Amino acid sequence: MTALDWVLVVAIVVLAAFVGGGLVLGSRALRTMQSSKLEAKDRQDQVDDAKAKAASVRAEAAAAKAEANAARAEARRVLEAAHEEADTILEHAHRQAETDAEQARTAARRSGEREVALLNATAKEHAAEVERRAARIDERERLHAEEVERLVERERRLAAMDADLVTREAALLSREAEVTAAEENRRKELERIAGLTADVARGELIENIEAQAKREAAILVRDIESDAKRTADTRARHIVVDAIQRIASEQTAESVVSVLHLPSDEMKGRIIGREGRNIRAFESTTGVNLIIDDTPEAVLLSCFDPVRREVGRLTLEKLVLDGRIHPHRIEEVFDTAKNEVERLCDRAAEEALVDVGITDIHPELATLLGRLRYRTSYGQNVLKHLVETAHIAGIMAAELGLDVPTMKRSAFLHDIGKALTHEVEGSHALIGADLARKYGESEDVVHAIEAHHNEVPPQTIEAVLTQAADACSGGRPGARRESLEAYVKRLERIEEIAAGKVGVEKVFAMQAGREIRVMVRPDDIDDIGAAVLARDVAKQIEEELTYPGQIRVTVVRESRVTELAR
């Protein structure tokens, strides 16, 4: 509300107050008159007193009328004063409004002039841009026209050249016929002069050419040998890469525990037995620790010997399926599971030997190879690693022209010692070499086994290629995995590196640590700063961390504009 409205409201309130006061006085006078009339009726017998009272009442009524008239006059006066004051305020408000309107018009005129100037400048820029684009289009059209002219000229020259070639071809055919005739005449003349026939001359010519070819071949062989020496390293790398590309095997996770799922949690009590009798009998018979915790419907079997752990797992699985669990039954099922695991090991060894192509091997070595079916190294199954290494070594030996069976045998048996590392102390390379020597393997194979980890300096090509094949199989991406703790620490460090940069809001490590998404605040980081941030994060990760493959750093800068529709 404006000031004028407030003044009018105040004036109306004051006028209403005066009118209300007059009405109160009038009502009081009317009540007094009514009471006087009643008393006059009641006291008709006292006329004298009534007249006196009537005179007083009339006097009071006259006074009340006078007061009412005075109140009405005062109200009219106040109303007139209010009207006058309201007119004054209204006039002042009109003048103020005119002043404000004039100021607003002036401000609007100035703003409009600025907008017009800005629009004019924008229009000029657009016109200049249009002119520049038109100039570029004209230039392109001119260049296009010149290119068309050049193509037309080139086509004309090509047509002329085709005609010239046709003419030259006809001339060459004629010349060839002439040369053929002249050659025949020359041959006949030479035969007449030399007294030799064409066959005899051809034989002498062939002898001369053969001698010259032998000399050139010797020179070529020397050059080839020299070039082969220079490119031996490059060729060796290509051989190794080709061998890796042609070999692929699956990955097996390393573990020292096995999980056996139970049909219900009630089975845990039966496995434990009365006062722990069954679990003690199981652990003493199998040599495997049985862990029963709060994991629902599952128990853990822990043992560092993978074959013994598999026997224990199979024993417990058969006991759970049978339902009869007591010490005597545990011993019976253990013997059955042990025989079954041995059969599985023998079958795995036979399949591996067939895959590699080795047939003549000592039975004890085959048995030890089968035990490697349940042995892993850094997450890689050892038996599959041996098969893969043998294939790689065979491919490299074939490329280099070496003895492929001997090479594959050396690579296939190089980790045989890992089957006894839980029973015999020492390096698995030396243990494997002793086993191979004990069971009649050749000295080349024995030396390749004992030298594949440099416990003994490699002296033969088989030893060197065994090392190379072992490195290729174990070092290829995906063959082996690092521990969970190291993996988690690397992910945490990657996120810390990115989160420590200025302007970074959130960091997410994705794709098992192969990709990192960095969310930045758009007000703090612009597009160029995002590119610099990505390069800095990638450089710091390269300097501080060791990881397989590569890590992609993606910086995400998002701009948002929000409006409300009311």
Protein backbone atom coordinates (compact mmCIF):
# COMPACT_ATOMS: atom_id res chain seq x y z
CA MET A 1 0.00 0.00 0.00
CA THR A 2 1.16 3.50 -0.78
CA ALA A 3 1.40 6.42 1.64
CA LEU A 4 -1.80 7.97 0.24
CA ASP A 5 -3.73 4.78 1.00
CA TRP A 6 -2.48 4.78 4.56
CA VAL A 7 -3.54 8.43 5.08
CA LEU A 8 -7.04 7.69 3.80
CA VAL A 9 -7.35 4.71 6.11
CA VAL A 10 -6.30 6.78 9.14
CA ALA A 11 -8.80 9.55 8.25
CA ILE A 12 -11.65 7.06 7.90
CA VAL A 13 -10.76 5.44 11.24
CA VAL A 14 -10.83 8.88 13.04
CA LEU A 15 -14.17 9.81 11.44
CA ALA A 16 -15.63 6.47 12.45
CA ALA A 17 -14.50 7.08 16.04
CA PHE A 18 -16.32 10.49 16.18
CA VAL A 19 -19.49 9.07 14.66
CA GLY A 20 -19.44 6.21 17.14
CA GLY A 21 -19.12 8.67 20.06
CA GLY A 22 -22.15 10.65 18.82
CA LEU A 23 -24.20 7.51 18.45
CA VAL A 24 -23.32 6.45 22.02
CA LEU A 25 -24.47 9.85 23.41
CA GLY A 26 -27.68 9.73 21.36
CA SER A 27 -28.52 6.24 22.57
CA ARG A 28 -27.92 7.34 26.13
CA ALA A 29 -30.33 10.29 25.66
CA LEU A 30 -33.00 8.03 24.15
CA ARG A 31 -32.77 5.63 27.07
CA THR A 32 -33.19 8.56 29.45
CA MET A 33 -36.31 9.80 27.62
CA GLN A 34 -37.86 6.33 27.62
CA SER A 35 -37.35 6.01 31.36
CA SER A 36 -38.91 9.48 31.86
CA LYS A 37 -42.06 8.51 29.95
CA LEU A 38 -42.48 5.38 32.03
CA GLU A 39 -42.19 7.29 35.24
CA ALA A 40 -44.75 9.85 33.96
CA LYS A 41 -47.26 7.06 33.36
CA ASP A 42 -46.59 5.49 36.73
CA ARG A 43 -46.89 8.74 38.66
CA GLN A 44 -49.84 10.39 37.04
CA ASP A 45 -51.15 11.00 40.50
CA GLN A 46 -48.20 13.20 41.28
CA VAL A 47 -48.61 15.80 38.55
CA ASP A 48 -46.54 18.45 40.13
CA ASP A 49 -43.58 16.24 40.55
CA ALA A 50 -44.01 14.88 37.02
CA LYS A 51 -44.01 18.31 35.50
CA ALA A 52 -40.88 19.21 37.30
CA LYS A 53 -39.24 16.01 36.21
CA ALA A 54 -40.56 16.48 32.64
CA ALA A 55 -39.02 19.94 32.60
CA SER A 56 -35.72 18.51 33.73
CA VAL A 57 -36.00 15.76 31.16
CA ARG A 58 -36.67 18.25 28.42
CA ALA A 59 -33.72 20.22 29.55
CA GLU A 60 -31.55 17.12 29.44
CA ALA A 61 -32.94 16.22 26.01
CA ALA A 62 -32.16 19.70 24.79
CA ALA A 63 -28.65 19.38 26.20
CA ALA A 64 -28.27 15.97 24.51
CA LYS A 65 -29.42 17.41 21.21
CA ALA A 66 -26.98 20.21 21.63
CA GLU A 67 -24.20 17.74 22.34
CA ALA A 68 -25.22 15.64 19.31
CA ASN A 69 -25.22 18.73 17.10
CA ALA A 70 -21.81 19.69 18.45
CA ALA A 71 -20.55 16.15 17.79
CA ARG A 72 -21.88 16.24 14.24
CA ALA A 73 -20.23 19.61 13.66
CA GLU A 74 -16.94 18.33 15.07
CA ALA A 75 -17.19 15.22 12.87
CA ARG A 76 -17.82 17.37 9.81
CA ARG A 77 -14.88 19.50 10.69
CA VAL A 78 -12.57 16.51 11.20
CA LEU A 79 -13.80 14.96 7.93
CA GLU A 80 -13.12 18.17 6.05
CA ALA A 81 -9.64 18.39 7.60
CA ALA A 82 -9.03 14.75 6.64
CA HIS A 83 -10.19 15.46 3.09
CA GLU A 84 -7.90 18.45 2.90
CA GLU A 85 -4.94 16.46 4.27
CA ALA A 86 -5.74 13.59 1.92
CA ASP A 87 -5.81 15.96 -1.04
CA THR A 88 -2.46 17.38 0.06
CA ILE A 89 -0.94 13.88 0.41
CA LEU A 90 -2.48 12.79 -2.89
CA GLU A 91 -1.02 15.80 -4.66
CA HIS A 92 2.37 15.12 -3.08
CA ALA A 93 2.09 11.47 -4.13
CA HIS A 94 1.21 12.51 -7.68
CA ARG A 95 4.26 14.75 -7.83
CA GLN A 96 6.47 11.97 -6.39
CA ALA A 97 5.02 9.45 -8.85
CA GLU A 98 5.66 11.80 -11.74
CA THR A 99 9.24 12.26 -10.53
CA ASP A 100 9.74 8.47 -10.20
CA ALA A 101 8.17 7.89 -13.61
CA GLU A 102 10.45 10.45 -15.16
CA GLN A 103 13.48 8.78 -13.57
CA ALA A 104 12.26 5.36 -14.74
CA ARG A 105 11.76 6.68 -18.27
CA THR A 106 15.25 8.16 -18.20
CA ALA A 107 16.76 4.87 -16.96
CA ALA A 108 14.79 2.88 -19.51
CA ARG A 109 15.89 5.25 -22.27
CA ARG A 110 19.54 4.81 -21.24
CA SER A 111 19.17 1.02 -20.97
CA GLY A 112 17.48 0.95 -24.37
CA GLU A 113 20.29 3.00 -25.86
CA ARG A 114 22.84 0.56 -24.41
CA GLU A 115 20.88 -2.43 -25.72
CA VAL A 116 20.62 -0.82 -29.15
CA ALA A 117 24.34 -0.12 -29.16
CA LEU A 118 25.06 -3.73 -28.13
CA LEU A 119 22.69 -5.08 -30.79
CA ASN A 120 24.31 -2.83 -33.38
CA ALA A 121 27.75 -4.10 -32.41
CA THR A 122 26.51 -7.71 -32.52
CA ALA A 123 24.90 -7.12 -35.89
CA LYS A 124 28.13 -5.60 -37.18
CA GLU A 125 30.09 -8.63 -35.94
CA HIS A 126 27.59 -10.98 -37.57
CA ALA A 127 27.77 -9.02 -40.80
CA ALA A 128 31.57 -9.16 -40.70
CA GLU A 129 31.42 -12.91 -40.03
CA VAL A 130 29.00 -13.35 -42.94
CA GLU A 131 31.34 -11.36 -45.15
CA ARG A 132 34.31 -13.50 -44.07
CA ARG A 133 32.36 -16.69 -44.73
CA ALA A 134 31.26 -15.37 -48.11
CA ALA A 135 34.89 -14.57 -48.91
CA ARG A 136 35.96 -18.08 -47.87
CA ILE A 137 33.19 -19.60 -49.99
CA ASP A 138 34.25 -17.48 -52.97
CA GLU A 139 37.86 -18.58 -52.45
CA ARG A 140 36.78 -22.22 -52.28
CA GLU A 141 34.72 -21.83 -55.43
CA ARG A 142 37.70 -20.23 -57.19
CA LEU A 143 39.99 -23.07 -56.07
CA HIS A 144 37.36 -25.60 -57.15
CA ALA A 145 37.10 -24.00 -60.56
CA GLU A 146 40.91 -24.04 -60.88
CA GLU A 147 40.94 -27.71 -59.85
CA VAL A 148 38.29 -28.51 -62.47
CA GLU A 149 40.37 -26.69 -65.11
CA ARG A 150 43.45 -28.67 -64.07
CA LEU A 151 41.52 -31.93 -64.25
CA VAL A 152 40.20 -31.07 -67.72
CA GLU A 153 43.73 -30.20 -68.88
CA ARG A 154 45.06 -33.41 -67.34
CA GLU A 155 42.37 -35.45 -69.06
CA ARG A 156 43.26 -33.81 -72.37
CA ARG A 157 46.94 -34.63 -71.85
CA LEU A 158 46.08 -38.22 -70.95
CA ALA A 159 44.03 -38.59 -74.14
CA ALA A 160 46.99 -37.27 -76.14
CA MET A 161 49.33 -39.64 -74.32
CA ASP A 162 47.00 -42.58 -75.05
CA ALA A 163 47.07 -41.74 -78.74
CA ASP A 164 50.86 -41.40 -78.62
CA LEU A 165 51.14 -44.75 -76.81
CA VAL A 166 49.04 -46.47 -79.47
CA THR A 167 51.34 -45.04 -82.14
CA ARG A 168 54.45 -46.10 -80.21
CA GLU A 169 53.04 -49.60 -79.62
CA ALA A 170 52.52 -50.07 -83.37
CA ALA A 171 56.06 -48.81 -84.00
CA LEU A 172 57.44 -51.17 -81.33
CA LEU A 173 55.65 -54.16 -82.85
CA SER A 174 57.15 -53.34 -86.21
CA ARG A 175 60.58 -52.81 -84.65
CA GLU A 176 60.27 -56.12 -82.72
CA ALA A 177 59.58 -58.00 -85.94
CA GLU A 178 62.61 -56.38 -87.52
CA VAL A 179 64.79 -57.23 -84.49
CA THR A 180 63.61 -60.84 -84.52
CA ALA A 181 64.53 -61.18 -88.19
CA ALA A 182 67.90 -59.50 -87.59
CA GLU A 183 68.58 -61.81 -84.62
CA GLU A 184 67.84 -64.87 -86.71
CA ASN A 185 70.18 -63.62 -89.42
CA ARG A 186 72.88 -62.87 -86.83
CA ARG A 187 72.55 -66.33 -85.27
CA LYS A 188 72.90 -68.01 -88.64
CA GLU A 189 75.92 -65.84 -89.50
CA LEU A 190 77.55 -66.65 -86.10
CA GLU A 191 76.98 -70.37 -86.62
CA ARG A 192 78.59 -70.10 -90.08
CA ILE A 193 81.60 -68.12 -88.83
CA ALA A 194 82.22 -70.05 -85.54
CA GLY A 195 81.41 -73.43 -86.94
CA LEU A 196 79.19 -74.12 -83.79
CA THR A 197 75.62 -75.12 -83.70
CA ALA A 198 73.06 -73.40 -81.49
CA ASP A 199 72.98 -76.32 -79.00
CA VAL A 200 76.75 -76.27 -78.49
CA ALA A 201 76.78 -72.51 -78.04
CA ARG A 202 73.88 -72.81 -75.59
CA GLY A 203 75.81 -75.34 -73.50
CA GLU A 204 78.88 -73.08 -73.29
CA LEU A 205 76.66 -70.14 -72.38
CA ILE A 206 74.95 -72.16 -69.64
CA GLU A 207 78.34 -73.12 -68.15
CA ASN A 208 79.40 -69.48 -68.06
CA ILE A 209 76.10 -68.42 -66.51
CA GLU A 210 76.27 -71.24 -63.92
CA ALA A 211 79.76 -70.16 -62.80
CA GLN A 212 78.61 -66.57 -62.52
CA ALA A 213 75.46 -67.63 -60.62
CA LYS A 214 77.53 -69.65 -58.12
CA ARG A 215 79.70 -66.63 -57.44
CA GLU A 216 76.69 -64.36 -56.99
CA ALA A 217 75.04 -66.97 -54.76
CA ALA A 218 78.11 -67.08 -52.52
CA ILE A 219 78.04 -63.31 -52.23
CA LEU A 220 74.29 -63.43 -51.48
CA VAL A 221 74.78 -66.10 -48.79
CA ARG A 222 77.46 -63.97 -47.14
CA ASP A 223 75.17 -60.94 -47.18
CA ILE A 224 72.27 -62.99 -45.81
CA GLU A 225 74.39 -64.34 -42.97
CA SER A 226 75.56 -60.85 -42.11
CA ASP A 227 72.00 -59.55 -42.17
CA ALA A 228 70.82 -62.48 -40.05
CA LYS A 229 73.41 -61.65 -37.40
CA ARG A 230 72.26 -58.04 -37.35
CA THR A 231 68.55 -58.96 -37.08
CA ALA A 232 68.89 -61.95 -34.73
CA ASP A 233 67.51 -60.06 -31.71
CA THR A 234 64.53 -58.73 -33.65
CA ARG A 235 63.78 -62.19 -35.04
CA ALA A 236 64.01 -63.72 -31.56
CA ARG A 237 61.53 -61.18 -30.23
CA HIS A 238 59.15 -61.98 -33.07
CA ILE A 239 59.44 -65.70 -32.31
CA VAL A 240 58.64 -65.16 -28.64
CA VAL A 241 55.70 -62.87 -29.41
CA ASP A 242 54.32 -65.35 -31.93
CA ALA A 243 54.60 -68.13 -29.37
CA ILE A 244 52.74 -66.10 -26.77
CA GLN A 245 49.99 -65.17 -29.21
CA ARG A 246 49.41 -68.81 -30.15
CA ILE A 247 49.08 -69.97 -26.53
CA ALA A 248 46.23 -69.09 -24.14
CA SER A 249 45.04 -70.84 -20.98
CA GLU A 250 42.56 -70.12 -18.26
CA GLN A 251 43.42 -68.71 -14.85
CA THR A 252 42.86 -70.48 -11.50
CA ALA A 253 42.66 -68.52 -8.27
CA GLU A 254 45.21 -69.37 -5.57
CA SER A 255 43.72 -70.46 -2.27
CA VAL A 256 44.69 -72.32 0.88
CA VAL A 257 41.11 -72.98 1.94
CA SER A 258 38.19 -74.83 0.37
CA VAL A 259 34.52 -74.14 1.02
CA LEU A 260 31.99 -76.95 1.34
CA HIS A 261 28.32 -76.00 1.22
CA LEU A 262 25.98 -77.88 3.56
CA PRO A 263 22.30 -78.69 3.00
CA SER A 264 21.43 -77.06 6.36
CA ASP A 265 23.04 -75.64 9.50
CA GLU A 266 21.93 -78.71 11.46
CA MET A 267 24.64 -80.67 9.67
CA LYS A 268 27.30 -78.60 11.51
CA GLY A 269 26.33 -80.19 14.79
CA ARG A 270 26.57 -83.68 13.30
CA ILE A 271 29.99 -82.86 11.85
CA ILE A 272 31.23 -81.67 15.26
CA GLY A 273 29.78 -84.69 17.03
CA ARG A 274 29.36 -85.34 20.72
CA GLU A 275 31.92 -83.23 22.60
CA GLY A 276 33.78 -82.63 19.32
CA ARG A 277 34.53 -86.33 18.72
CA ASN A 278 33.80 -86.32 14.98
CA ILE A 279 35.72 -83.15 14.12
CA ARG A 280 38.79 -84.37 16.05
CA ALA A 281 38.66 -87.70 14.26
CA PHE A 282 38.29 -85.95 10.89
CA GLU A 283 41.25 -83.61 11.45
CA SER A 284 43.52 -86.38 12.75
CA THR A 285 42.62 -88.73 9.89
CA THR A 286 42.80 -86.28 6.98
CA GLY A 287 45.36 -83.79 8.32
CA VAL A 288 43.07 -80.93 7.28
CA ASN A 289 41.83 -78.24 9.65
CA LEU A 290 38.03 -77.92 9.70
CA ILE A 291 36.73 -74.40 10.44
CA ILE A 292 33.08 -74.13 11.51
CA ASP A 293 31.94 -70.55 12.11
CA ASP A 294 28.81 -68.43 11.68
CA THR A 295 28.88 -68.73 7.88
CA PRO A 296 25.41 -70.03 6.98
CA GLU A 297 25.31 -73.53 5.48
CA ALA A 298 29.06 -73.70 4.82
CA VAL A 299 32.29 -74.92 6.45
CA LEU A 300 35.91 -74.19 5.57
CA LEU A 301 38.74 -76.69 5.11
CA SER A 302 42.25 -75.28 5.53
CA CYS A 303 45.50 -76.99 4.55
CA PHE A 304 48.68 -75.89 2.75
CA ASP A 305 48.96 -79.22 0.92
CA PRO A 306 46.44 -78.89 -1.94
CA VAL A 307 46.15 -82.65 -2.55
CA ARG A 308 45.48 -83.35 1.11
CA ARG A 309 42.96 -80.49 1.21
CA GLU A 310 41.13 -81.93 -1.82
CA VAL A 311 41.04 -85.37 -0.19
CA GLY A 312 39.60 -83.84 2.97
CA ARG A 313 37.01 -81.87 1.01
CA LEU A 314 35.91 -84.94 -0.92
CA THR A 315 35.77 -86.98 2.34
CA LEU A 316 33.57 -84.43 4.07
CA GLU A 317 31.35 -84.11 1.00
CA LYS A 318 30.75 -87.88 0.92
CA LEU A 319 30.06 -87.93 4.67
CA VAL A 320 27.50 -85.13 4.35
CA LEU A 321 25.75 -86.87 1.47
CA ASP A 322 25.71 -90.21 3.34
CA GLY A 323 24.56 -88.69 6.63
CA ARG A 324 26.43 -91.22 8.80
CA ILE A 325 29.24 -89.35 10.53
CA HIS A 326 31.33 -91.14 13.16
CA PRO A 327 35.09 -91.87 13.53
CA HIS A 328 35.04 -95.32 11.94
CA ARG A 329 32.96 -94.08 8.99
CA ILE A 330 35.34 -91.12 8.56
CA GLU A 331 38.32 -93.49 8.14
CA GLU A 332 36.45 -95.59 5.56
CA VAL A 333 35.34 -92.60 3.50
CA PHE A 334 38.85 -91.10 3.76
CA ASP A 335 40.39 -94.18 2.14
CA THR A 336 37.81 -94.05 -0.67
CA ALA A 337 38.34 -90.31 -1.26
CA LYS A 338 42.11 -90.75 -1.25
CA ASN A 339 41.92 -93.43 -3.94
CA GLU A 340 39.54 -91.27 -5.99
CA VAL A 341 41.85 -88.22 -5.80
CA GLU A 342 44.80 -90.39 -6.85
CA ARG A 343 42.81 -91.58 -9.86
CA LEU A 344 41.92 -87.98 -10.72
CA CYS A 345 45.59 -87.00 -10.45
CA ASP A 346 46.65 -89.89 -12.69
CA ARG A 347 44.00 -88.95 -15.25
CA ALA A 348 45.08 -85.29 -15.20
CA ALA A 349 48.72 -86.32 -15.71
CA GLU A 350 47.78 -88.58 -18.64
CA GLU A 351 45.74 -85.82 -20.30
CA ALA A 352 48.59 -83.33 -19.86
CA LEU A 353 51.13 -85.78 -21.31
CA VAL A 354 48.86 -86.46 -24.29
CA ASP A 355 48.36 -82.73 -24.80
CA VAL A 356 52.10 -82.10 -24.81
CA GLY A 357 52.91 -85.23 -26.85
CA ILE A 358 55.18 -87.02 -24.33
CA THR A 359 54.69 -90.79 -24.11
CA ASP A 360 57.82 -92.29 -22.52
CA ILE A 361 58.05 -91.01 -18.95
CA HIS A 362 58.69 -92.77 -15.64
CA PRO A 363 55.46 -93.66 -13.74
CA GLU A 364 56.67 -91.91 -10.58
CA LEU A 365 57.17 -88.66 -12.50
CA ALA A 366 53.68 -89.05 -13.97
CA THR A 367 52.27 -89.48 -10.46
CA LEU A 368 54.06 -86.34 -9.26
CA LEU A 369 52.78 -84.43 -12.28
CA GLY A 370 49.21 -85.45 -11.40
CA ARG A 371 49.60 -83.97 -7.91
CA LEU A 372 50.26 -80.60 -9.52
CA ARG A 373 46.61 -80.60 -10.65
CA TYR A 374 45.73 -79.14 -7.24
CA ARG A 375 48.78 -76.90 -6.88
CA THR A 376 48.71 -73.19 -7.79
CA SER A 377 51.41 -70.53 -7.92
CA TYR A 378 50.32 -66.89 -7.63
CA GLY A 379 46.86 -67.91 -8.78
CA GLN A 380 48.10 -69.95 -11.79
CA ASN A 381 47.50 -73.72 -11.90
CA VAL A 382 50.94 -75.36 -12.02
CA LEU A 383 49.97 -78.31 -14.25
CA LYS A 384 48.33 -76.02 -16.81
CA HIS A 385 51.34 -73.73 -16.52
CA LEU A 386 53.60 -76.66 -17.44
CA VAL A 387 51.46 -77.53 -20.47
CA GLU A 388 51.44 -73.92 -21.60
CA THR A 389 55.20 -73.56 -21.10
CA ALA A 390 55.84 -76.73 -23.10
CA HIS A 391 53.76 -75.45 -26.02
CA ILE A 392 55.56 -72.09 -26.00
CA ALA A 393 58.97 -73.76 -25.86
CA GLY A 394 58.01 -76.15 -28.67
CA ILE A 395 56.90 -73.29 -30.90
CA MET A 396 60.12 -71.36 -30.29
CA ALA A 397 62.23 -74.49 -30.86
CA ALA A 398 60.44 -75.15 -34.15
CA GLU A 399 61.03 -71.57 -35.28
CA LEU A 400 64.73 -71.84 -34.38
CA GLY A 401 65.20 -75.31 -35.91
CA LEU A 402 66.01 -77.07 -32.59
CA ASP A 403 64.99 -80.49 -31.22
CA VAL A 404 61.29 -79.90 -30.44
CA PRO A 405 60.61 -83.07 -28.32
CA THR A 406 63.61 -82.41 -26.04
CA MET A 407 62.69 -78.76 -25.72
CA LYS A 408 59.05 -79.54 -24.84
CA ARG A 409 60.16 -82.20 -22.34
CA SER A 410 62.51 -79.77 -20.57
CA ALA A 411 59.83 -77.08 -20.34
CA PHE A 412 57.13 -79.54 -19.26
CA LEU A 413 59.18 -80.94 -16.36
CA HIS A 414 60.78 -77.69 -15.17
CA ASP A 415 58.38 -77.27 -12.16
CA ILE A 416 58.08 -80.97 -11.23
CA GLY A 417 59.80 -80.17 -7.92
CA LYS A 418 56.78 -78.18 -6.72
CA ALA A 419 54.97 -81.48 -6.14
CA LEU A 420 57.32 -82.17 -3.21
CA THR A 421 57.93 -78.67 -1.79
CA HIS A 422 55.54 -79.49 1.08
CA GLU A 423 57.59 -82.59 1.96
CA VAL A 424 61.20 -81.73 0.99
CA GLU A 425 63.00 -78.53 1.86
CA GLY A 426 64.87 -76.61 -0.78
CA SER A 427 64.36 -74.89 -4.12
CA HIS A 428 61.83 -76.58 -6.36
CA ALA A 429 64.26 -76.24 -9.29
CA LEU A 430 66.95 -78.30 -7.55
CA ILE A 431 64.37 -80.77 -6.20
CA GLY A 432 62.97 -81.23 -9.69
CA ALA A 433 66.46 -81.72 -11.17
CA ASP A 434 67.21 -84.45 -8.61
CA LEU A 435 63.91 -86.18 -9.41
CA ALA A 436 64.55 -86.01 -13.16
CA ARG A 437 68.09 -87.37 -12.74
CA LYS A 438 66.81 -90.13 -10.41
CA TYR A 439 64.20 -91.32 -12.91
CA GLY A 440 66.45 -91.41 -15.96
CA GLU A 441 65.94 -88.10 -17.75
CA SER A 442 68.73 -86.81 -20.03
CA GLU A 443 71.32 -84.36 -18.79
CA ASP A 444 69.98 -81.63 -21.10
CA VAL A 445 66.55 -81.93 -19.47
CA VAL A 446 68.05 -82.07 -15.96
CA HIS A 447 70.17 -78.98 -16.60
CA ALA A 448 67.21 -77.05 -18.04
CA ILE A 449 65.18 -77.87 -14.88
CA GLU A 450 67.90 -76.85 -12.38
CA ALA A 451 68.82 -73.69 -14.30
CA HIS A 452 65.37 -72.24 -15.00
CA HIS A 453 65.60 -70.00 -11.89
CA ASN A 454 69.37 -69.40 -12.17
CA GLU A 455 70.28 -71.59 -9.17
CA VAL A 456 72.70 -73.04 -11.73
CA PRO A 457 73.97 -70.84 -14.62
CA PRO A 458 72.29 -71.92 -17.87
CA GLN A 459 74.77 -73.59 -20.25
CA THR A 460 72.54 -74.95 -23.05
CA ILE A 461 70.02 -73.54 -25.48
CA GLU A 462 67.34 -75.76 -23.89
CA ALA A 463 67.94 -74.10 -20.51
CA VAL A 464 67.70 -70.61 -21.98
CA LEU A 465 64.51 -71.37 -23.90
CA THR A 466 63.00 -73.01 -20.80
CA GLN A 467 63.60 -69.79 -18.88
CA ALA A 468 62.07 -67.75 -21.70
CA ALA A 469 59.00 -70.00 -22.01
CA ASP A 470 58.51 -69.99 -18.22
CA ALA A 471 58.66 -66.18 -18.17
CA CYS A 472 56.23 -65.93 -21.09
CA SER A 473 53.67 -68.20 -19.44
CA GLY A 474 53.90 -66.66 -15.98
CA GLY A 475 54.29 -63.06 -17.06
CA ARG A 476 51.53 -62.77 -19.66
CA PRO A 477 48.56 -60.54 -18.67
CA GLY A 478 45.95 -62.48 -16.72
CA ALA A 479 48.13 -65.50 -15.96
CA ARG A 480 48.77 -64.67 -12.33
CA ARG A 481 47.05 -62.45 -9.83
CA GLU A 482 48.35 -60.46 -6.95
CA SER A 483 47.07 -60.79 -3.40
CA LEU A 484 43.80 -59.15 -2.39
CA GLU A 485 45.52 -56.88 0.10
CA ALA A 486 47.95 -55.48 -2.49
CA TYR A 487 45.07 -55.04 -4.94
CA VAL A 488 42.98 -53.08 -2.42
CA LYS A 489 45.96 -50.93 -1.42
CA ARG A 490 46.66 -50.08 -5.05
CA LEU A 491 43.04 -49.03 -5.62
CA GLU A 492 43.09 -46.89 -2.47
CA ARG A 493 46.35 -45.22 -3.52
CA ILE A 494 44.98 -44.50 -7.00
CA GLU A 495 41.92 -42.79 -5.50
CA GLU A 496 44.12 -40.86 -3.03
CA ILE A 497 46.32 -39.54 -5.84
CA ALA A 498 43.33 -38.24 -7.80
CA ALA A 499 41.44 -36.93 -4.75
CA GLY A 500 44.48 -34.91 -3.64
CA LYS A 501 44.31 -32.62 -6.68
CA VAL A 502 42.69 -29.17 -6.46
CA GLY A 503 39.11 -28.96 -7.71
CA VAL A 504 38.39 -32.71 -7.51
CA GLU A 505 34.95 -33.53 -6.09
CA LYS A 506 34.68 -37.34 -6.37
CA VAL A 507 36.92 -40.19 -7.53
CA PHE A 508 35.80 -43.66 -8.66
CA ALA A 509 38.16 -46.57 -9.43
CA MET A 510 36.51 -48.81 -12.05
CA GLN A 511 37.25 -51.87 -14.20
CA ALA A 512 39.27 -53.54 -11.39
CA GLY A 513 41.57 -50.54 -11.21
CA ARG A 514 42.09 -50.32 -14.99
CA GLU A 515 40.09 -47.06 -15.24
CA ILE A 516 39.64 -44.12 -12.88
CA ARG A 517 36.87 -41.53 -13.17
CA VAL A 518 37.62 -38.10 -11.66
CA MET A 519 34.63 -35.79 -11.10
CA VAL A 520 35.70 -32.13 -10.85
CA ARG A 521 33.87 -28.96 -9.86
CA PRO A 522 33.16 -27.01 -13.07
CA ASP A 523 33.58 -23.66 -11.30
CA ASP A 524 37.14 -24.53 -10.20
CA ILE A 525 38.38 -26.50 -13.25
CA ASP A 526 37.91 -25.41 -16.88
CA ASP A 527 38.33 -27.57 -19.98
CA ILE A 528 42.07 -26.92 -20.28
CA GLY A 529 42.52 -27.53 -16.55
CA ALA A 530 40.70 -30.87 -16.92
CA ALA A 531 43.19 -31.99 -19.57
CA VAL A 532 46.11 -30.89 -17.39
CA LEU A 533 44.61 -32.68 -14.37
CA ALA A 534 44.22 -35.95 -16.31
CA ARG A 535 47.85 -35.78 -17.46
CA ASP A 536 49.11 -34.99 -13.93
CA VAL A 537 47.16 -37.86 -12.35
CA ALA A 538 48.34 -40.34 -14.99
CA LYS A 539 51.96 -39.20 -14.59
CA GLN A 540 51.85 -39.52 -10.78
CA ILE A 541 50.29 -43.00 -11.02
CA GLU A 542 53.08 -44.07 -13.40
CA GLU A 543 55.75 -42.76 -11.03
CA GLU A 544 54.38 -44.16 -7.75
CA LEU A 545 52.61 -47.45 -8.57
CA THR A 546 53.42 -50.77 -10.21
CA TYR A 547 50.53 -52.45 -12.04
CA PRO A 548 49.88 -54.77 -14.98
CA GLY A 549 48.59 -53.33 -18.27
CA GLN A 550 47.53 -49.71 -18.32
CA ILE A 551 45.22 -47.40 -16.35
CA ARG A 552 42.90 -44.97 -18.13
CA VAL A 553 42.31 -41.63 -16.37
CA THR A 554 39.03 -39.92 -17.32
CA VAL A 555 38.25 -36.42 -15.98
CA VAL A 556 34.53 -35.56 -16.08
CA ARG A 557 33.59 -31.87 -15.98
CA GLU A 558 29.83 -31.29 -15.96
CA SER A 559 28.07 -27.90 -16.24
CA ARG A 560 24.44 -27.61 -15.13
CA VAL A 561 21.94 -24.75 -15.58
CA THR A 562 18.71 -24.84 -13.50
CA GLU A 563 15.60 -22.65 -13.77
CA LEU A 564 12.26 -22.84 -11.94
CA ALA A 565 8.91 -22.58 -13.73
CA ARG A 566 6.39 -20.80 -11.50
